[in-house]
Amino acid sequence: MLPSFSGLQFRSIVTVMDPKRYNIANRAAEKQASRDEDAARLARGEITGAELRVENNFFSSLDMSRFKIVAIGGRPIKFKKDTTE
């Protein structure tokens, strides 16, 4: 698991998803090892379930105030103008 999602690390995630280099069995093993480590940390009391959920949530490491959804499925979102003024 990556400790943060800096640009470099994010690019490395995308590289792993390259169909020419991606191995489903290896990825499944990586995910299971991560789950096993999470379970062991919970069992040892090193982390709470709530803390683990935050840690494993991709979006928790992002500053969402810096993002804006502009398209869904490649289709631009049309924003309505504020008419309350």
N, C-alpha and C. Protein backbone atom coordinates (compact mmCIF):
# COMPACT_ATOMS: atom_id res chain seq x y z
N MET A 1 0.85 -1.17 0.00
CA MET A 1 0.00 0.00 0.00
C MET A 1 0.90 1.24 0.00
N LEU A 2 0.52 2.25 -0.77
CA LEU A 2 1.29 3.48 -0.83
C LEU A 2 0.94 4.37 0.36
N PRO A 3 1.93 5.00 0.98
CA PRO A 3 1.66 5.84 2.14
C PRO A 3 0.92 7.13 1.78
N SER A 4 1.07 7.59 0.56
CA SER A 4 0.34 8.79 0.11
C SER A 4 0.16 8.67 -1.39
N PHE A 5 -0.54 9.62 -1.96
CA PHE A 5 -0.80 9.58 -3.39
C PHE A 5 -0.21 10.79 -4.08
N SER A 6 1.11 10.96 -3.94
CA SER A 6 1.77 12.04 -4.67
C SER A 6 1.73 11.71 -6.14
N GLY A 7 2.02 12.69 -6.98
CA GLY A 7 1.97 12.48 -8.42
C GLY A 7 2.80 11.28 -8.87
N LEU A 8 4.00 11.14 -8.34
CA LEU A 8 4.87 10.04 -8.73
C LEU A 8 4.25 8.70 -8.39
N GLN A 9 3.73 8.58 -7.18
CA GLN A 9 3.13 7.32 -6.77
C GLN A 9 1.88 7.02 -7.58
N PHE A 10 1.09 8.03 -7.88
CA PHE A 10 -0.12 7.82 -8.65
C PHE A 10 0.25 7.31 -10.05
N ARG A 11 1.29 7.89 -10.65
CA ARG A 11 1.72 7.41 -11.96
C ARG A 11 2.15 5.96 -11.88
N SER A 12 2.78 5.57 -10.77
CA SER A 12 3.21 4.18 -10.66
C SER A 12 2.01 3.24 -10.57
N ILE A 13 0.92 3.68 -9.97
CA ILE A 13 -0.29 2.86 -9.94
C ILE A 13 -0.83 2.67 -11.35
N VAL A 14 -0.86 3.74 -12.13
CA VAL A 14 -1.35 3.65 -13.50
C VAL A 14 -0.46 2.72 -14.32
N THR A 15 0.84 2.78 -14.12
CA THR A 15 1.77 1.91 -14.84
C THR A 15 1.47 0.44 -14.56
N VAL A 16 1.15 0.12 -13.31
CA VAL A 16 0.84 -1.25 -12.95
C VAL A 16 -0.38 -1.75 -13.72
N MET A 17 -1.28 -0.85 -14.06
CA MET A 17 -2.50 -1.24 -14.75
C MET A 17 -2.30 -1.42 -16.25
N ASP A 18 -1.07 -1.25 -16.76
CA ASP A 18 -0.76 -1.45 -18.17
C ASP A 18 -1.09 -2.91 -18.52
N PRO A 19 -2.01 -3.14 -19.45
CA PRO A 19 -2.43 -4.51 -19.77
C PRO A 19 -1.27 -5.44 -20.16
N LYS A 20 -0.21 -4.87 -20.71
CA LYS A 20 0.92 -5.70 -21.11
C LYS A 20 1.71 -6.19 -19.90
N ARG A 21 1.62 -5.46 -18.79
CA ARG A 21 2.41 -5.78 -17.60
C ARG A 21 1.55 -6.25 -16.42
N TYR A 22 0.25 -6.09 -16.50
CA TYR A 22 -0.65 -6.40 -15.38
C TYR A 22 -0.85 -7.91 -15.28
N ASN A 23 -0.71 -8.43 -14.07
CA ASN A 23 -0.90 -9.85 -13.83
C ASN A 23 -1.98 -10.00 -12.76
N ILE A 24 -3.10 -10.56 -13.14
CA ILE A 24 -4.25 -10.67 -12.24
C ILE A 24 -3.90 -11.47 -10.98
N ALA A 25 -3.19 -12.56 -11.14
CA ALA A 25 -2.84 -13.40 -9.98
C ALA A 25 -1.93 -12.65 -9.02
N ASN A 26 -0.95 -11.93 -9.55
CA ASN A 26 -0.06 -11.16 -8.68
C ASN A 26 -0.82 -10.07 -7.95
N ARG A 27 -1.72 -9.39 -8.66
CA ARG A 27 -2.48 -8.31 -8.03
C ARG A 27 -3.40 -8.87 -6.94
N ALA A 28 -4.01 -10.01 -7.20
CA ALA A 28 -4.87 -10.64 -6.19
C ALA A 28 -4.06 -10.99 -4.95
N ALA A 29 -2.85 -11.49 -5.15
CA ALA A 29 -1.98 -11.84 -4.02
C ALA A 29 -1.58 -10.59 -3.23
N GLU A 30 -1.28 -9.50 -3.94
CA GLU A 30 -0.94 -8.24 -3.26
C GLU A 30 -2.11 -7.74 -2.42
N LYS A 31 -3.31 -7.79 -2.99
CA LYS A 31 -4.50 -7.32 -2.26
C LYS A 31 -4.76 -8.19 -1.03
N GLN A 32 -4.60 -9.52 -1.18
CA GLN A 32 -4.83 -10.41 -0.04
C GLN A 32 -3.79 -10.17 1.05
N ALA A 33 -2.54 -9.95 0.66
CA ALA A 33 -1.49 -9.67 1.66
C ALA A 33 -1.82 -8.39 2.41
N SER A 34 -2.34 -7.39 1.71
CA SER A 34 -2.73 -6.14 2.35
C SER A 34 -3.88 -6.36 3.33
N ARG A 35 -4.86 -7.16 2.92
CA ARG A 35 -5.99 -7.48 3.81
C ARG A 35 -5.52 -8.23 5.05
N ASP A 36 -4.60 -9.20 4.84
CA ASP A 36 -4.07 -9.98 5.96
C ASP A 36 -3.33 -9.07 6.95
N GLU A 37 -2.54 -8.14 6.44
CA GLU A 37 -1.81 -7.21 7.31
C GLU A 37 -2.78 -6.31 8.06
N ASP A 38 -3.82 -5.84 7.38
CA ASP A 38 -4.84 -5.03 8.05
C ASP A 38 -5.49 -5.81 9.19
N ALA A 39 -5.84 -7.07 8.92
CA ALA A 39 -6.47 -7.91 9.95
C ALA A 39 -5.53 -8.12 11.14
N ALA A 40 -4.26 -8.33 10.85
CA ALA A 40 -3.28 -8.53 11.94
C ALA A 40 -3.13 -7.26 12.77
N ARG A 41 -3.10 -6.11 12.13
CA ARG A 41 -3.00 -4.84 12.87
C ARG A 41 -4.22 -4.62 13.75
N LEU A 42 -5.40 -4.96 13.23
CA LEU A 42 -6.63 -4.86 14.03
C LEU A 42 -6.56 -5.81 15.23
N ALA A 43 -6.13 -7.03 14.99
CA ALA A 43 -6.05 -8.03 16.06
C ALA A 43 -5.05 -7.62 17.14
N ARG A 44 -3.96 -6.97 16.75
CA ARG A 44 -2.96 -6.53 17.73
C ARG A 44 -3.38 -5.23 18.43
N GLY A 45 -4.46 -4.63 17.97
CA GLY A 45 -4.93 -3.39 18.57
C GLY A 45 -4.13 -2.17 18.16
N GLU A 46 -3.38 -2.27 17.08
CA GLU A 46 -2.57 -1.15 16.61
C GLU A 46 -3.39 -0.05 15.95
N ILE A 47 -4.59 -0.42 15.52
CA ILE A 47 -5.44 0.52 14.78
C ILE A 47 -6.89 0.12 15.01
N THR A 48 -7.77 1.10 14.99
CA THR A 48 -9.20 0.81 15.12
C THR A 48 -9.79 0.60 13.72
N GLY A 49 -10.96 0.02 13.69
CA GLY A 49 -11.65 -0.18 12.42
C GLY A 49 -11.90 1.14 11.70
N ALA A 50 -12.27 2.17 12.46
CA ALA A 50 -12.53 3.49 11.87
C ALA A 50 -11.25 4.07 11.27
N GLU A 51 -10.14 3.92 12.00
CA GLU A 51 -8.86 4.44 11.48
C GLU A 51 -8.44 3.69 10.22
N LEU A 52 -8.68 2.40 10.21
CA LEU A 52 -8.32 1.60 9.04
C LEU A 52 -9.15 1.99 7.82
N ARG A 53 -10.44 2.25 8.02
CA ARG A 53 -11.29 2.68 6.90
C ARG A 53 -10.78 3.98 6.30
N VAL A 54 -10.39 4.93 7.16
CA VAL A 54 -9.85 6.20 6.66
C VAL A 54 -8.55 5.96 5.91
N GLU A 55 -7.68 5.14 6.48
CA GLU A 55 -6.38 4.84 5.88
C GLU A 55 -6.54 4.18 4.51
N ASN A 56 -7.51 3.29 4.38
CA ASN A 56 -7.70 2.55 3.13
C ASN A 56 -8.56 3.28 2.11
N ASN A 57 -9.13 4.41 2.49
CA ASN A 57 -9.98 5.17 1.58
C ASN A 57 -9.10 6.04 0.69
N PHE A 58 -9.09 5.77 -0.59
CA PHE A 58 -8.27 6.53 -1.54
C PHE A 58 -8.54 8.02 -1.44
N PHE A 59 -9.80 8.40 -1.34
CA PHE A 59 -10.16 9.81 -1.35
C PHE A 59 -9.80 10.56 -0.07
N SER A 60 -9.55 9.84 1.03
CA SER A 60 -9.23 10.52 2.28
C SER A 60 -7.89 11.26 2.21
N SER A 61 -7.00 10.85 1.31
CA SER A 61 -5.70 11.51 1.20
C SER A 61 -5.72 12.69 0.23
N LEU A 62 -6.85 12.91 -0.43
CA LEU A 62 -6.94 14.00 -1.40
C LEU A 62 -7.65 15.21 -0.81
N ASP A 63 -7.19 16.38 -1.19
CA ASP A 63 -7.86 17.62 -0.80
C ASP A 63 -8.99 17.85 -1.80
N MET A 64 -10.20 17.42 -1.43
CA MET A 64 -11.32 17.46 -2.37
C MET A 64 -11.72 18.89 -2.76
N SER A 65 -11.31 19.89 -2.00
CA SER A 65 -11.63 21.27 -2.37
C SER A 65 -10.89 21.69 -3.63
N ARG A 66 -9.89 20.92 -4.03
CA ARG A 66 -9.11 21.26 -5.22
C ARG A 66 -9.61 20.53 -6.47
N PHE A 67 -10.69 19.78 -6.35
CA PHE A 67 -11.21 19.01 -7.47
C PHE A 67 -12.61 19.47 -7.84
N LYS A 68 -12.95 19.27 -9.11
CA LYS A 68 -14.27 19.61 -9.60
C LYS A 68 -14.65 18.56 -10.64
N ILE A 69 -15.84 18.02 -10.53
CA ILE A 69 -16.31 17.06 -11.53
C ILE A 69 -16.79 17.85 -12.74
N VAL A 70 -16.20 17.58 -13.88
CA VAL A 70 -16.57 18.32 -15.09
C VAL A 70 -17.20 17.41 -16.14
N ALA A 71 -17.06 16.09 -15.97
CA ALA A 71 -17.64 15.16 -16.92
C ALA A 71 -17.88 13.82 -16.24
N ILE A 72 -18.87 13.12 -16.72
CA ILE A 72 -19.16 11.76 -16.26
C ILE A 72 -19.28 10.89 -17.50
N GLY A 73 -18.48 9.85 -17.55
CA GLY A 73 -18.50 8.97 -18.72
C GLY A 73 -18.11 9.69 -20.00
N GLY A 74 -17.24 10.68 -19.89
CA GLY A 74 -16.79 11.43 -21.06
C GLY A 74 -17.76 12.50 -21.52
N ARG A 75 -18.89 12.62 -20.84
CA ARG A 75 -19.89 13.63 -21.22
C ARG A 75 -19.79 14.82 -20.27
N PRO A 76 -19.58 16.02 -20.81
CA PRO A 76 -19.46 17.21 -19.95
C PRO A 76 -20.73 17.44 -19.14
N ILE A 77 -20.54 17.92 -17.93
CA ILE A 77 -21.66 18.26 -17.07
C ILE A 77 -22.04 19.71 -17.37
N LYS A 78 -23.32 19.94 -17.58
CA LYS A 78 -23.79 21.31 -17.81
C LYS A 78 -24.25 21.86 -16.47
N PHE A 79 -23.60 22.95 -16.05
CA PHE A 79 -23.93 23.57 -14.79
C PHE A 79 -25.00 24.64 -15.01
N LYS A 80 -25.98 24.65 -14.15
CA LYS A 80 -27.02 25.67 -14.23
C LYS A 80 -26.50 26.96 -13.60
N LYS A 81 -26.84 28.07 -14.19
CA LYS A 81 -26.45 29.36 -13.62
C LYS A 81 -27.30 29.63 -12.39
N ASP A 82 -26.70 30.27 -11.40
CA ASP A 82 -27.41 30.62 -10.17
C ASP A 82 -28.36 31.78 -10.48
N THR A 83 -29.65 31.54 -10.34
CA THR A 83 -30.64 32.58 -10.66
C THR A 83 -31.22 33.22 -9.39
N THR A 84 -30.61 32.96 -8.23
CA THR A 84 -31.14 33.49 -6.98
C THR A 84 -30.70 34.92 -6.72
N GLU A 85 -29.83 35.46 -7.54
CA GLU A 85 -29.34 36.83 -7.31
C GLU A 85 -30.33 37.86 -7.76
